[in-house]
Amino acid sequence: MSEVGPRDGLQSVSTIMPTDAKKAWIAAEAAAGVREIEVGSFVPAKLLPQLADTAEVVAFAKSIPGLTVAVLVPNARGAAAAIMAGADKITLPLSVSETHSLANLRRTHVQVIDEAVEIGRLVRGVPAERRPHFEGSLSTAFGCTLEGAIPDAQIARLAAALMDAGCDEVGLSDTTGYADPAAVKRLIKLVRGVVGDQALTGIHLHNTRGLGLANALAALDTGLTTFDASLGGIGGCPFAPGASGNIVTEDLVFMLEAMGLRTGIDIDRLLEVRRVVTDALPQEEMFGFLPDAKLPLGFAPATVLETA
């Protein structure tokens, strides 16, 4: 489980969460057993003032034993700041829709790949014991609200270009919530055919049309092992009209545990984390079925640890 609420969630709400509240959120969720958290993004503060304190938040998160501290970067300058801050994982989004790429990063495909090449160089310059994992995320991979369906050949070409640029792996992102289970399986097979099974292990899904958990199950069936989710389902993409709603972390963890897949996350403690967020964002809507329905009577978490 990779919690993306402190980045994807907070970039999409108007309220600026106080830094101390972000730290409390991250600490509480790590204590509940979440082992990877995307804590922010190194973007100019004038563009996303909600994430202006990312360097301080990274420094705090790095003090939590066993936590993989992930960040999103839009370019090599952001990657350099992330490396300086000590981030464990860096994600560069490459929208397979060039229209969305221009809206989101103000860069063409060629320009983003050039940034990836430079980031790869920066990452390789870090001593191995401190070197961050470099992921290239194929955004709008299942379709774009600005451009529609994206040709398979274009997705495959960009996946290969990211790996050639120096990425350790690529990830798939349903930025607009267009995916369905069949499309998830088909696209995973397509991209793995280009980059190899080991270079595609994670997926970022939205629940915009109510298919988030179904899509996660389809990805699980293909062998993917890392799933992005956001506490309370907050999040979306401000540059993709109509894109909203990440998978709810609480609901996804419950589904996996109910299936017998041990996530290592304490559901009761995870539900308590929700209060930390709602107290800091009282005017923002939170989503999820489990927080309202509660755990079934007699529910017991899985006993066999699996990767999820």
C-alpha atoms as a PDB file:
ATOM      1  CA  MET A   1       0.000   0.000   0.000  1.00  0.00           C
ATOM      2  CA  SER A   2       1.337   3.418  -0.962  1.00  0.00           C
ATOM      3  CA  GLU A   3      -0.567   6.246   0.718  1.00  0.00           C
ATOM      4  CA  VAL A   4      -0.726   9.271  -1.600  1.00  0.00           C
ATOM      5  CA  GLY A   5      -3.130  11.491   0.338  1.00  0.00           C
ATOM      6  CA  PRO A   6      -0.518  13.922   1.671  1.00  0.00           C
ATOM      7  CA  ARG A   7       0.413  14.706  -1.930  1.00  0.00           C
ATOM      8  CA  ASP A   8      -2.379  13.815  -4.360  1.00  0.00           C
ATOM      9  CA  GLY A   9      -5.102  14.492  -1.837  1.00  0.00           C
ATOM     10  CA  LEU A  10      -3.849  17.809  -0.511  1.00  0.00           C
ATOM     11  CA  GLN A  11      -2.968  19.231  -3.947  1.00  0.00           C
ATOM     12  CA  SER A  12      -6.643  18.899  -4.885  1.00  0.00           C
ATOM     13  CA  VAL A  13      -8.261  20.672  -1.929  1.00  0.00           C
ATOM     14  CA  SER A  14      -8.381  24.410  -1.366  1.00  0.00           C
ATOM     15  CA  THR A  15      -7.409  24.233   2.294  1.00  0.00           C
ATOM     16  CA  ILE A  16      -3.718  24.390   3.167  1.00  0.00           C
ATOM     17  CA  MET A  17      -3.140  21.768   5.848  1.00  0.00           C
ATOM     18  CA  PRO A  18      -0.767  22.999   8.582  1.00  0.00           C
ATOM     19  CA  THR A  19       2.634  21.330   8.524  1.00  0.00           C
ATOM     20  CA  ASP A  20       2.192  19.920  12.030  1.00  0.00           C
ATOM     21  CA  ALA A  21      -1.068  18.286  10.952  1.00  0.00           C
ATOM     22  CA  LYS A  22       0.677  16.694   7.953  1.00  0.00           C
ATOM     23  CA  LYS A  23       3.344  15.318  10.264  1.00  0.00           C
ATOM     24  CA  ALA A  24       0.694  13.947  12.622  1.00  0.00           C
ATOM     25  CA  TRP A  25      -1.083  12.293   9.681  1.00  0.00           C
ATOM     26  CA  ILE A  26       2.079  10.666   8.365  1.00  0.00           C
ATOM     27  CA  ALA A  27       3.211   9.511  11.801  1.00  0.00           C
ATOM     28  CA  ALA A  28      -0.192   8.031  12.658  1.00  0.00           C
ATOM     29  CA  GLU A  29      -0.515   6.207   9.355  1.00  0.00           C
ATOM     30  CA  ALA A  30       3.000   4.814   9.608  1.00  0.00           C
ATOM     31  CA  ALA A  31       2.180   3.637  13.130  1.00  0.00           C
ATOM     32  CA  ALA A  32      -0.861   1.845  11.684  1.00  0.00           C
ATOM     33  CA  GLY A  33       1.486  -0.156   9.464  1.00  0.00           C
ATOM     34  CA  VAL A  34       1.583   1.737   6.163  1.00  0.00           C
ATOM     35  CA  ARG A  35       5.150   1.370   4.894  1.00  0.00           C
ATOM     36  CA  GLU A  36       5.165   3.785   1.926  1.00  0.00           C
ATOM     37  CA  ILE A  37       3.746   7.317   1.934  1.00  0.00           C
ATOM     38  CA  GLU A  38       3.962   9.931  -0.804  1.00  0.00           C
ATOM     39  CA  VAL A  39       4.416  12.932   1.453  1.00  0.00           C
ATOM     40  CA  GLY A  40       4.476  15.781  -1.042  1.00  0.00           C
ATOM     41  CA  SER A  41       5.744  17.219  -4.299  1.00  0.00           C
ATOM     42  CA  PHE A  42       8.655  19.491  -5.133  1.00  0.00           C
ATOM     43  CA  VAL A  43       6.795  22.013  -7.253  1.00  0.00           C
ATOM     44  CA  PRO A  44       6.931  25.819  -7.101  1.00  0.00           C
ATOM     45  CA  ALA A  45       4.965  27.099  -4.098  1.00  0.00           C
ATOM     46  CA  LYS A  46       3.136  29.609  -6.295  1.00  0.00           C
ATOM     47  CA  LEU A  47       1.612  26.723  -8.249  1.00  0.00           C
ATOM     48  CA  LEU A  48       0.736  24.456  -5.311  1.00  0.00           C
ATOM     49  CA  PRO A  49       0.976  26.375  -2.040  1.00  0.00           C
ATOM     50  CA  GLN A  50      -0.589  23.346  -0.333  1.00  0.00           C
ATOM     51  CA  LEU A  51       2.750  21.520  -0.794  1.00  0.00           C
ATOM     52  CA  ALA A  52       5.187  24.351  -0.140  1.00  0.00           C
ATOM     53  CA  ASP A  53       6.505  22.637   3.004  1.00  0.00           C
ATOM     54  CA  THR A  54       7.452  19.356   1.308  1.00  0.00           C
ATOM     55  CA  ALA A  55      11.159  19.535   2.228  1.00  0.00           C
ATOM     56  CA  GLU A  56      10.306  19.902   5.921  1.00  0.00           C
ATOM     57  CA  VAL A  57       7.741  17.104   5.714  1.00  0.00           C
ATOM     58  CA  VAL A  58      10.258  14.796   4.005  1.00  0.00           C
ATOM     59  CA  ALA A  59      12.804  15.486   6.747  1.00  0.00           C
ATOM     60  CA  PHE A  60      10.230  14.549   9.374  1.00  0.00           C
ATOM     61  CA  ALA A  61       9.056  11.432   7.556  1.00  0.00           C
ATOM     62  CA  LYS A  62      12.651  10.246   7.179  1.00  0.00           C
ATOM     63  CA  SER A  63      12.852  10.036  10.974  1.00  0.00           C
ATOM     64  CA  ILE A  64      10.212   7.263  11.006  1.00  0.00           C
ATOM     65  CA  PRO A  65      11.931   3.853  10.963  1.00  0.00           C
ATOM     66  CA  GLY A  66      11.000   1.537   8.123  1.00  0.00           C
ATOM     67  CA  LEU A  67       9.001   4.127   6.155  1.00  0.00           C
ATOM     68  CA  THR A  68       9.633   4.599   2.435  1.00  0.00           C
ATOM     69  CA  VAL A  69       9.301   8.343   1.854  1.00  0.00           C
ATOM     70  CA  ALA A  70       8.039   9.048  -1.664  1.00  0.00           C
ATOM     71  CA  VAL A  71       7.621  12.345  -3.509  1.00  0.00           C
ATOM     72  CA  LEU A  72       6.451  13.488  -6.926  1.00  0.00           C
ATOM     73  CA  VAL A  73       8.638  15.794  -9.014  1.00  0.00           C
ATOM     74  CA  PRO A  74       7.735  17.655 -12.229  1.00  0.00           C
ATOM     75  CA  ASN A  75      11.287  18.094 -13.525  1.00  0.00           C
ATOM     76  CA  ALA A  76      14.990  17.741 -12.811  1.00  0.00           C
ATOM     77  CA  ARG A  77      15.026  20.792 -10.563  1.00  0.00           C
ATOM     78  CA  GLY A  78      12.386  19.198  -8.369  1.00  0.00           C
ATOM     79  CA  ALA A  79      14.299  15.919  -8.409  1.00  0.00           C
ATOM     80  CA  ALA A  80      17.460  17.665  -7.246  1.00  0.00           C
ATOM     81  CA  ALA A  81      15.516  19.143  -4.319  1.00  0.00           C
ATOM     82  CA  ALA A  82      14.030  15.724  -3.537  1.00  0.00           C
ATOM     83  CA  ILE A  83      17.470  14.116  -3.534  1.00  0.00           C
ATOM     84  CA  MET A  84      18.833  16.839  -1.291  1.00  0.00           C
ATOM     85  CA  ALA A  85      15.932  16.316   1.118  1.00  0.00           C
ATOM     86  CA  GLY A  86      16.634  12.580   1.236  1.00  0.00           C
ATOM     87  CA  ALA A  87      13.514  11.153  -0.431  1.00  0.00           C
ATOM     88  CA  ASP A  88      13.558   7.367  -0.879  1.00  0.00           C
ATOM     89  CA  LYS A  89      11.414   7.315  -4.011  1.00  0.00           C
ATOM     90  CA  ILE A  90      10.982   9.884  -6.774  1.00  0.00           C
ATOM     91  CA  THR A  91       8.124   9.759  -9.266  1.00  0.00           C
ATOM     92  CA  LEU A  92       8.110  11.768 -12.489  1.00  0.00           C
ATOM     93  CA  PRO A  93       4.698  11.914 -14.184  1.00  0.00           C
ATOM     94  CA  LEU A  94       4.678  11.592 -17.968  1.00  0.00           C
ATOM     95  CA  SER A  95       1.208  12.046 -19.354  1.00  0.00           C
ATOM     96  CA  VAL A  96       0.737   9.838 -22.412  1.00  0.00           C
ATOM     97  CA  SER A  97      -1.716  12.508 -23.559  1.00  0.00           C
ATOM     98  CA  GLU A  98       0.447  15.359 -24.794  1.00  0.00           C
ATOM     99  CA  THR A  99      -2.449  17.795 -24.355  1.00  0.00           C
ATOM    100  CA  HIS A 100      -2.608  16.875 -20.669  1.00  0.00           C
ATOM    101  CA  SER A 101       1.186  17.001 -20.392  1.00  0.00           C
ATOM    102  CA  LEU A 102       1.163  20.584 -21.618  1.00  0.00           C
ATOM    103  CA  ALA A 103      -1.610  21.485 -19.163  1.00  0.00           C
ATOM    104  CA  ASN A 104      -0.056  19.655 -16.213  1.00  0.00           C
ATOM    105  CA  LEU A 105       3.697  20.158 -16.679  1.00  0.00           C
ATOM    106  CA  ARG A 106       3.787  22.685 -19.533  1.00  0.00           C
ATOM    107  CA  ARG A 107       6.068  20.299 -21.389  1.00  0.00           C
ATOM    108  CA  THR A 108       5.859  18.163 -24.509  1.00  0.00           C
ATOM    109  CA  HIS A 109       6.667  14.451 -24.445  1.00  0.00           C
ATOM    110  CA  VAL A 110      10.155  15.134 -25.746  1.00  0.00           C
ATOM    111  CA  GLN A 111      10.772  17.720 -23.037  1.00  0.00           C
ATOM    112  CA  VAL A 112       9.578  15.385 -20.255  1.00  0.00           C
ATOM    113  CA  ILE A 113      11.814  12.586 -21.519  1.00  0.00           C
ATOM    114  CA  ASP A 114      14.725  15.050 -21.533  1.00  0.00           C
ATOM    115  CA  GLU A 115      13.928  15.822 -17.884  1.00  0.00           C
ATOM    116  CA  ALA A 116      13.844  12.074 -17.156  1.00  0.00           C
ATOM    117  CA  VAL A 117      17.308  11.669 -18.682  1.00  0.00           C
ATOM    118  CA  GLU A 118      18.653  14.434 -16.441  1.00  0.00           C
ATOM    119  CA  ILE A 119      16.925  12.967 -13.367  1.00  0.00           C
ATOM    120  CA  GLY A 120      18.428   9.591 -14.170  1.00  0.00           C
ATOM    121  CA  ARG A 121      21.855  11.215 -14.256  1.00  0.00           C
ATOM    122  CA  LEU A 122      21.232  12.900 -10.903  1.00  0.00           C
ATOM    123  CA  VAL A 123      20.044   9.659  -9.321  1.00  0.00           C
ATOM    124  CA  ARG A 124      23.061   7.707 -10.566  1.00  0.00           C
ATOM    125  CA  GLY A 125      25.285  10.348  -8.996  1.00  0.00           C
ATOM    126  CA  VAL A 126      23.994   9.499  -5.518  1.00  0.00           C
ATOM    127  CA  PRO A 127      25.919   6.831  -3.540  1.00  0.00           C
ATOM    128  CA  ALA A 128      24.170   3.473  -3.835  1.00  0.00           C
ATOM    129  CA  GLU A 129      23.199   3.325  -0.159  1.00  0.00           C
ATOM    130  CA  ARG A 130      21.331   6.643  -0.436  1.00  0.00           C
ATOM    131  CA  ARG A 131      20.154   6.439  -4.038  1.00  0.00           C
ATOM    132  CA  PRO A 132      16.393   7.012  -4.430  1.00  0.00           C
ATOM    133  CA  HIS A 133      14.208   4.696  -6.485  1.00  0.00           C
ATOM    134  CA  PHE A 134      13.205   6.455  -9.723  1.00  0.00           C
ATOM    135  CA  GLU A 135       9.757   5.763 -11.145  1.00  0.00           C
ATOM    136  CA  GLY A 136       8.254   7.165 -14.325  1.00  0.00           C
ATOM    137  CA  SER A 137       4.470   7.302 -14.084  1.00  0.00           C
ATOM    138  CA  LEU A 138       2.429   6.922 -17.276  1.00  0.00           C
ATOM    139  CA  SER A 139      -0.395   9.337 -16.482  1.00  0.00           C
ATOM    140  CA  THR A 140      -3.749   9.367 -18.334  1.00  0.00           C
ATOM    141  CA  ALA A 141      -2.812   5.866 -19.511  1.00  0.00           C
ATOM    142  CA  PHE A 142      -6.444   4.736 -19.751  1.00  0.00           C
ATOM    143  CA  GLY A 143      -7.723   7.853 -21.485  1.00  0.00           C
ATOM    144  CA  CYS A 144      -7.726  11.619 -21.196  1.00  0.00           C
ATOM    145  CA  THR A 145     -10.567  14.065 -20.579  1.00  0.00           C
ATOM    146  CA  LEU A 146      -8.838  16.464 -22.966  1.00  0.00           C
ATOM    147  CA  GLU A 147      -7.763  14.073 -25.719  1.00  0.00           C
ATOM    148  CA  GLY A 148      -9.768  10.874 -25.368  1.00  0.00           C
ATOM    149  CA  ALA A 149      -8.299   7.417 -25.943  1.00  0.00           C
ATOM    150  CA  ILE A 150      -4.523   7.187 -26.350  1.00  0.00           C
ATOM    151  CA  PRO A 151      -3.101   4.786 -28.998  1.00  0.00           C
ATOM    152  CA  ASP A 152      -1.395   1.697 -27.595  1.00  0.00           C
ATOM    153  CA  ALA A 153       1.672   2.365 -29.716  1.00  0.00           C
ATOM    154  CA  GLN A 154       2.126   5.761 -28.080  1.00  0.00           C
ATOM    155  CA  ILE A 155       1.832   4.309 -24.578  1.00  0.00           C
ATOM    156  CA  ALA A 156       4.344   1.572 -25.388  1.00  0.00           C
ATOM    157  CA  ARG A 157       6.783   4.030 -26.958  1.00  0.00           C
ATOM    158  CA  LEU A 158       6.705   6.345 -23.947  1.00  0.00           C
ATOM    159  CA  ALA A 159       7.089   3.456 -21.483  1.00  0.00           C
ATOM    160  CA  ALA A 160      10.212   2.335 -23.330  1.00  0.00           C
ATOM    161  CA  ALA A 161      11.516   5.914 -23.475  1.00  0.00           C
ATOM    162  CA  LEU A 162      11.212   6.297 -19.701  1.00  0.00           C
ATOM    163  CA  MET A 163      13.185   3.111 -19.087  1.00  0.00           C
ATOM    164  CA  ASP A 164      15.823   4.166 -21.619  1.00  0.00           C
ATOM    165  CA  ALA A 165      16.055   7.522 -19.828  1.00  0.00           C
ATOM    166  CA  GLY A 166      17.102   5.806 -16.594  1.00  0.00           C
ATOM    167  CA  CYS A 167      13.912   4.976 -14.686  1.00  0.00           C
ATOM    168  CA  ASP A 168      14.029   1.946 -12.403  1.00  0.00           C
ATOM    169  CA  GLU A 169      10.416   1.185 -13.268  1.00  0.00           C
ATOM    170  CA  VAL A 170       7.270   2.619 -14.799  1.00  0.00           C
ATOM    171  CA  GLY A 171       3.849   2.844 -13.188  1.00  0.00           C
ATOM    172  CA  LEU A 172       0.374   3.093 -14.665  1.00  0.00           C
ATOM    173  CA  SER A 173      -1.929   5.914 -13.619  1.00  0.00           C
ATOM    174  CA  ASP A 174      -5.655   6.146 -14.301  1.00  0.00           C
ATOM    175  CA  THR A 175      -5.586   9.904 -13.829  1.00  0.00           C
ATOM    176  CA  THR A 176      -9.075  10.441 -15.209  1.00  0.00           C
ATOM    177  CA  GLY A 177     -10.898   7.402 -13.826  1.00  0.00           C
ATOM    178  CA  TYR A 178     -11.526   5.929 -17.279  1.00  0.00           C
ATOM    179  CA  ALA A 179     -10.203   2.433 -16.519  1.00  0.00           C
ATOM    180  CA  ASP A 180     -12.237  -0.769 -16.244  1.00  0.00           C
ATOM    181  CA  PRO A 181     -10.973  -4.212 -15.139  1.00  0.00           C
ATOM    182  CA  ALA A 182     -10.516  -5.526 -18.675  1.00  0.00           C
ATOM    183  CA  ALA A 183      -8.626  -2.404 -19.703  1.00  0.00           C
ATOM    184  CA  VAL A 184      -6.393  -2.693 -16.633  1.00  0.00           C
ATOM    185  CA  LYS A 185      -5.378  -6.250 -17.524  1.00  0.00           C
ATOM    186  CA  ARG A 186      -4.873  -5.412 -21.197  1.00  0.00           C
ATOM    187  CA  LEU A 187      -2.715  -2.350 -20.554  1.00  0.00           C
ATOM    188  CA  ILE A 188      -0.570  -4.091 -17.940  1.00  0.00           C
ATOM    189  CA  LYS A 189       0.114  -6.848 -20.466  1.00  0.00           C
ATOM    190  CA  LEU A 190       0.933  -4.272 -23.151  1.00  0.00           C
ATOM    191  CA  VAL A 191       3.403  -2.301 -21.043  1.00  0.00           C
ATOM    192  CA  ARG A 192       5.022  -5.377 -19.510  1.00  0.00           C
ATOM    193  CA  GLY A 193       5.605  -6.614 -23.030  1.00  0.00           C
ATOM    194  CA  VAL A 194       7.777  -3.550 -23.547  1.00  0.00           C
ATOM    195  CA  VAL A 195       9.527  -3.029 -20.192  1.00  0.00           C
ATOM    196  CA  GLY A 196       9.383  -6.505 -18.624  1.00  0.00           C
ATOM    197  CA  ASP A 197       7.432  -7.816 -15.637  1.00  0.00           C
ATOM    198  CA  GLN A 198       9.869  -6.491 -13.034  1.00  0.00           C
ATOM    199  CA  ALA A 199       9.678  -2.922 -14.345  1.00  0.00           C
ATOM    200  CA  LEU A 200       5.904  -2.623 -13.851  1.00  0.00           C
ATOM    201  CA  THR A 201       4.767  -3.435 -10.317  1.00  0.00           C
ATOM    202  CA  GLY A 202       2.508  -0.550  -9.294  1.00  0.00           C
ATOM    203  CA  ILE A 203      -0.672   1.227 -10.302  1.00  0.00           C
ATOM    204  CA  HIS A 204      -2.433   4.462  -9.369  1.00  0.00           C
ATOM    205  CA  LEU A 205      -6.217   4.207  -9.697  1.00  0.00           C
ATOM    206  CA  HIS A 206      -9.050   6.664  -9.229  1.00  0.00           C
ATOM    207  CA  ASN A 207     -12.604   5.838  -8.225  1.00  0.00           C
ATOM    208  CA  THR A 208     -14.216   8.526 -10.368  1.00  0.00           C
ATOM    209  CA  ARG A 209     -16.811   6.137 -11.832  1.00  0.00           C
ATOM    210  CA  GLY A 210     -16.978   3.655  -8.969  1.00  0.00           C
ATOM    211  CA  LEU A 211     -14.635   1.052 -10.470  1.00  0.00           C
ATOM    212  CA  GLY A 212     -11.588   1.692  -8.294  1.00  0.00           C
ATOM    213  CA  LEU A 213     -11.671  -1.494  -6.216  1.00  0.00           C
ATOM    214  CA  ALA A 214     -12.662  -3.640  -9.196  1.00  0.00           C
ATOM    215  CA  ASN A 215      -9.702  -2.244 -11.105  1.00  0.00           C
ATOM    216  CA  ALA A 216      -7.393  -2.875  -8.154  1.00  0.00           C
ATOM    217  CA  LEU A 217      -8.536  -6.496  -8.043  1.00  0.00           C
ATOM    218  CA  ALA A 218      -7.842  -6.852 -11.773  1.00  0.00           C
ATOM    219  CA  ALA A 219      -4.345  -5.441 -11.264  1.00  0.00           C
ATOM    220  CA  LEU A 220      -3.805  -7.794  -8.345  1.00  0.00           C
ATOM    221  CA  ASP A 221      -4.754 -10.728 -10.549  1.00  0.00           C
ATOM    222  CA  THR A 222      -1.968  -9.791 -12.976  1.00  0.00           C
ATOM    223  CA  GLY A 223       0.610  -9.835 -10.198  1.00  0.00           C
ATOM    224  CA  LEU A 224       1.014  -6.127  -9.476  1.00  0.00           C
ATOM    225  CA  THR A 225       2.175  -5.594  -5.894  1.00  0.00           C
ATOM    226  CA  THR A 226       1.972  -1.859  -5.147  1.00  0.00           C
ATOM    227  CA  PHE A 227      -1.309   0.063  -5.016  1.00  0.00           C
ATOM    228  CA  ASP A 228      -1.692   3.798  -4.515  1.00  0.00           C
ATOM    229  CA  ALA A 229      -4.622   4.932  -2.398  1.00  0.00           C
ATOM    230  CA  SER A 230      -5.657   8.035  -0.478  1.00  0.00           C
ATOM    231  CA  LEU A 231      -7.081   8.205   3.020  1.00  0.00           C
ATOM    232  CA  GLY A 232     -10.727   9.187   2.713  1.00  0.00           C
ATOM    233  CA  GLY A 233     -10.401   9.056  -1.075  1.00  0.00           C
ATOM    234  CA  ILE A 234      -9.419  12.713  -1.308  1.00  0.00           C
ATOM    235  CA  GLY A 235      -7.566  13.770  -4.423  1.00  0.00           C
ATOM    236  CA  GLY A 236      -7.731  14.061  -8.178  1.00  0.00           C
ATOM    237  CA  CYS A 237      -5.923  16.015 -10.857  1.00  0.00           C
ATOM    238  CA  PRO A 238      -6.468  19.787 -11.024  1.00  0.00           C
ATOM    239  CA  PHE A 239      -5.449  19.792 -14.704  1.00  0.00           C
ATOM    240  CA  ALA A 240      -7.800  17.028 -15.867  1.00  0.00           C
ATOM    241  CA  PRO A 241     -11.411  18.279 -15.858  1.00  0.00           C
ATOM    242  CA  GLY A 242     -13.721  15.838 -14.069  1.00  0.00           C
ATOM    243  CA  ALA A 243     -10.912  13.737 -12.623  1.00  0.00           C
ATOM    244  CA  SER A 244     -11.616  13.059  -8.978  1.00  0.00           C
ATOM    245  CA  GLY A 245     -11.544  10.519  -6.233  1.00  0.00           C
ATOM    246  CA  ASN A 246      -8.576   8.297  -5.459  1.00  0.00           C
ATOM    247  CA  ILE A 247      -9.235   4.792  -4.174  1.00  0.00           C
ATOM    248  CA  VAL A 248     -10.074   5.004  -0.471  1.00  0.00           C
ATOM    249  CA  THR A 249      -7.161   3.572   1.520  1.00  0.00           C
ATOM    250  CA  GLU A 250      -9.454   2.218   4.239  1.00  0.00           C
ATOM    251  CA  ASP A 251     -11.703   0.374   1.758  1.00  0.00           C
ATOM    252  CA  LEU A 252      -8.799  -1.082  -0.215  1.00  0.00           C
ATOM    253  CA  VAL A 253      -7.043  -2.376   2.896  1.00  0.00           C
ATOM    254  CA  PHE A 254     -10.295  -3.967   4.091  1.00  0.00           C
ATOM    255  CA  MET A 255     -10.873  -5.673   0.730  1.00  0.00           C
ATOM    256  CA  LEU A 256      -7.372  -7.141   0.678  1.00  0.00           C
ATOM    257  CA  GLU A 257      -7.555  -8.309   4.289  1.00  0.00           C
ATOM    258  CA  ALA A 258     -11.011  -9.817   3.735  1.00  0.00           C
ATOM    259  CA  MET A 259      -9.537 -11.744   0.805  1.00  0.00           C
ATOM    260  CA  GLY A 260      -6.894 -13.217   3.090  1.00  0.00           C
ATOM    261  CA  LEU A 261      -4.036 -10.963   1.962  1.00  0.00           C
ATOM    262  CA  ARG A 262      -2.177  -9.609   4.969  1.00  0.00           C
ATOM    263  CA  THR A 263      -1.181  -6.022   4.279  1.00  0.00           C
ATOM    264  CA  GLY A 264       0.590  -5.434   7.575  1.00  0.00           C
ATOM    265  CA  ILE A 265      -1.827  -2.576   8.283  1.00  0.00           C
ATOM    266  CA  ASP A 266      -3.950  -2.403  11.444  1.00  0.00           C
ATOM    267  CA  ILE A 267      -7.414  -1.434  10.164  1.00  0.00           C
ATOM    268  CA  ASP A 268      -8.673  -0.104  13.496  1.00  0.00           C
ATOM    269  CA  ARG A 269      -5.662   2.180  13.807  1.00  0.00           C
ATOM    270  CA  LEU A 270      -6.007   3.212  10.168  1.00  0.00           C
ATOM    271  CA  LEU A 271      -9.587   4.297  10.803  1.00  0.00           C
ATOM    272  CA  GLU A 272      -8.366   6.409  13.713  1.00  0.00           C
ATOM    273  CA  VAL A 273      -6.012   8.261  11.357  1.00  0.00           C
ATOM    274  CA  ARG A 274      -9.069   9.592   9.556  1.00  0.00           C
ATOM    275  CA  ARG A 275      -9.839  11.780  12.562  1.00  0.00           C
ATOM    276  CA  VAL A 276      -6.435  13.446  12.271  1.00  0.00           C
ATOM    277  CA  VAL A 277      -7.258  14.449   8.708  1.00  0.00           C
ATOM    278  CA  THR A 278     -10.874  15.515   9.299  1.00  0.00           C
ATOM    279  CA  ASP A 279      -9.818  17.656  12.266  1.00  0.00           C
ATOM    280  CA  ALA A 280      -7.334  19.496  10.027  1.00  0.00           C
ATOM    281  CA  LEU A 281      -9.681  19.650   7.002  1.00  0.00           C
ATOM    282  CA  PRO A 282     -13.140  20.022   8.584  1.00  0.00           C
ATOM    283  CA  GLN A 283     -14.666  21.581   5.475  1.00  0.00           C
ATOM    284  CA  GLU A 284     -13.407  18.957   3.016  1.00  0.00           C
ATOM    285  CA  GLU A 285     -15.520  15.933   2.062  1.00  0.00           C
ATOM    286  CA  MET A 286     -14.142  12.500   2.927  1.00  0.00           C
ATOM    287  CA  PHE A 287     -15.242   9.279   1.244  1.00  0.00           C
ATOM    288  CA  GLY A 288     -15.271   5.560   1.944  1.00  0.00           C
ATOM    289  CA  PHE A 289     -17.706   2.812   2.901  1.00  0.00           C
ATOM    290  CA  LEU A 290     -15.773   1.111   5.690  1.00  0.00           C
ATOM    291  CA  PRO A 291     -15.552   4.190   7.937  1.00  0.00           C
ATOM    292  CA  ASP A 292     -19.367   4.364   8.006  1.00  0.00           C
ATOM    293  CA  ALA A 293     -20.220   0.654   7.939  1.00  0.00           C
ATOM    294  CA  LYS A 294     -17.405  -0.428  10.311  1.00  0.00           C
ATOM    295  CA  LEU A 295     -15.825  -3.870  10.332  1.00  0.00           C
ATOM    296  CA  PRO A 296     -18.177  -6.878  10.135  1.00  0.00           C
ATOM    297  CA  LEU A 297     -18.947  -8.623  13.413  1.00  0.00           C
ATOM    298  CA  GLY A 298     -16.272 -11.227  14.070  1.00  0.00           C
ATOM    299  CA  PHE A 299     -13.983  -9.937  11.305  1.00  0.00           C
ATOM    300  CA  ALA A 300     -10.404 -11.141  11.686  1.00  0.00           C
ATOM    301  CA  PRO A 301      -7.509  -9.823   9.618  1.00  0.00           C
ATOM    302  CA  ALA A 302      -5.538 -12.131   7.379  1.00  0.00           C
ATOM    303  CA  THR A 303      -2.766 -14.125   9.024  1.00  0.00           C
ATOM    304  CA  VAL A 304      -0.488 -14.741   6.035  1.00  0.00           C
ATOM    305  CA  LEU A 305       1.655 -11.787   5.015  1.00  0.00           C
ATOM    306  CA  GLU A 306       1.462 -11.035   1.288  1.00  0.00           C
ATOM    307  CA  THR A 307       2.699  -8.076  -0.689  1.00  0.00           C
ATOM    308  CA  ALA A 308       0.025  -5.433  -1.218  1.00  0.00           C
END
